[in-house]
Protein backbone atom coordinates (compact mmCIF):
# COMPACT_ATOMS: atom_id res chain seq x y z
CA MET A 1 -0.03 0.09 0.02
CA GLN A 2 2.92 2.30 0.95
CA ASN A 3 4.39 1.73 -2.74
CA THR A 4 0.80 2.93 -4.33
CA GLY A 5 1.13 6.22 -2.62
CA LEU A 6 5.00 6.65 -3.58
CA TYR A 7 4.02 5.96 -7.44
CA ALA A 8 1.36 8.15 -7.74
CA ASN A 9 3.58 11.07 -7.37
CA PRO A 10 5.42 11.63 -10.43
CA PHE A 11 8.57 12.93 -8.85
CA ALA A 12 8.89 9.76 -6.66
CA LEU A 13 8.59 7.89 -9.85
CA MET A 14 11.83 9.51 -11.15
CA MET A 15 13.73 8.03 -8.36
CA ASP A 16 12.82 4.64 -9.39
CA PRO A 17 13.04 4.21 -13.09
CA GLN A 18 13.39 0.49 -12.83
CA ALA A 19 9.93 0.08 -11.09
CA VAL A 20 8.28 2.33 -14.10
CA ILE A 21 9.75 0.27 -16.80
CA ALA A 22 8.57 -2.98 -14.88
CA ALA A 23 5.03 -1.59 -14.52
CA MET A 24 5.30 -0.68 -18.37
CA GLU A 25 6.24 -4.05 -19.43
CA ARG A 26 3.48 -5.45 -17.23
CA SER A 27 0.79 -3.07 -18.68
CA GLU A 28 -1.99 -4.69 -20.57
CA ARG A 29 -3.12 -1.44 -21.88
CA LEU A 30 0.15 -0.44 -23.50
CA ASN A 31 0.72 -3.97 -24.79
CA HIS A 32 -2.46 -3.71 -26.74
CA LEU A 33 -1.60 -0.28 -28.09
CA GLN A 34 -1.28 -0.02 -31.89
CA SER A 35 2.05 1.30 -33.11
CA ARG A 36 3.67 2.74 -36.35
CA ILE A 37 6.77 3.98 -37.72
CA CYS A 38 6.84 7.74 -38.19
CA ARG A 39 9.45 9.49 -40.28
CA PRO A 40 11.39 12.56 -38.69
CA LEU A 41 10.32 15.81 -39.91
CA ASP A 42 14.09 17.11 -40.42
CA LYS A 43 14.60 14.65 -43.25
CA PRO A 44 13.51 15.79 -46.65
CA LEU A 45 10.76 13.29 -48.40
CA ILE A 46 12.02 14.12 -51.77
CA PRO A 47 15.64 13.66 -52.49
CA LEU A 48 17.50 16.20 -54.13
CA VAL A 49 17.98 15.68 -57.65
CA GLY A 50 20.76 17.84 -59.87
CA ASP A 51 22.73 20.71 -58.94
CA ALA A 52 21.02 23.75 -57.05
CA ASN A 53 23.68 26.10 -58.86
CA ALA A 54 22.68 25.03 -62.32
CA PHE A 55 18.98 25.32 -61.66
CA ASP A 56 19.61 29.05 -60.37
CA GLN A 57 21.86 29.92 -63.45
CA GLU A 58 18.93 28.61 -65.65
CA ILE A 59 16.46 30.70 -63.87
CA ASP A 60 18.55 33.91 -64.09
CA ALA A 61 18.91 33.04 -67.72
CA THR A 62 15.37 33.09 -68.73
CA PRO A 63 13.98 36.56 -69.67
CA ASP A 64 11.79 38.06 -67.21
CA ILE A 65 8.15 37.76 -68.47
CA GLU A 66 6.84 40.42 -65.75
CA ALA A 67 8.71 43.06 -66.77
CA ASP A 68 7.59 42.62 -70.59
CA MET A 69 3.84 42.36 -69.13
CA ILE A 70 4.47 46.06 -67.56
CA ASP A 71 6.44 47.58 -70.37
CA GLY A 72 4.39 45.98 -73.20
CA PRO A 73 5.60 44.10 -76.19
CA ALA A 74 8.75 45.42 -77.74
CA ASP A 75 8.39 46.82 -81.53
């Protein structure tokens, strides 16, 4: 009965981590949980293909369409 009061206090649980692990292993509710593998958010899902500098040079080499729309077509 004394252990029940001790384990109700989360700070007391930090003093006895082996008891917490043993209780987790015996728990029926935890054993019936569904699990799934989640990917970390810091990894890109789409691998980078090609060189970023080549892409930047290609974009810089294209004519600026927006400037043509403002100035009108060149005669």
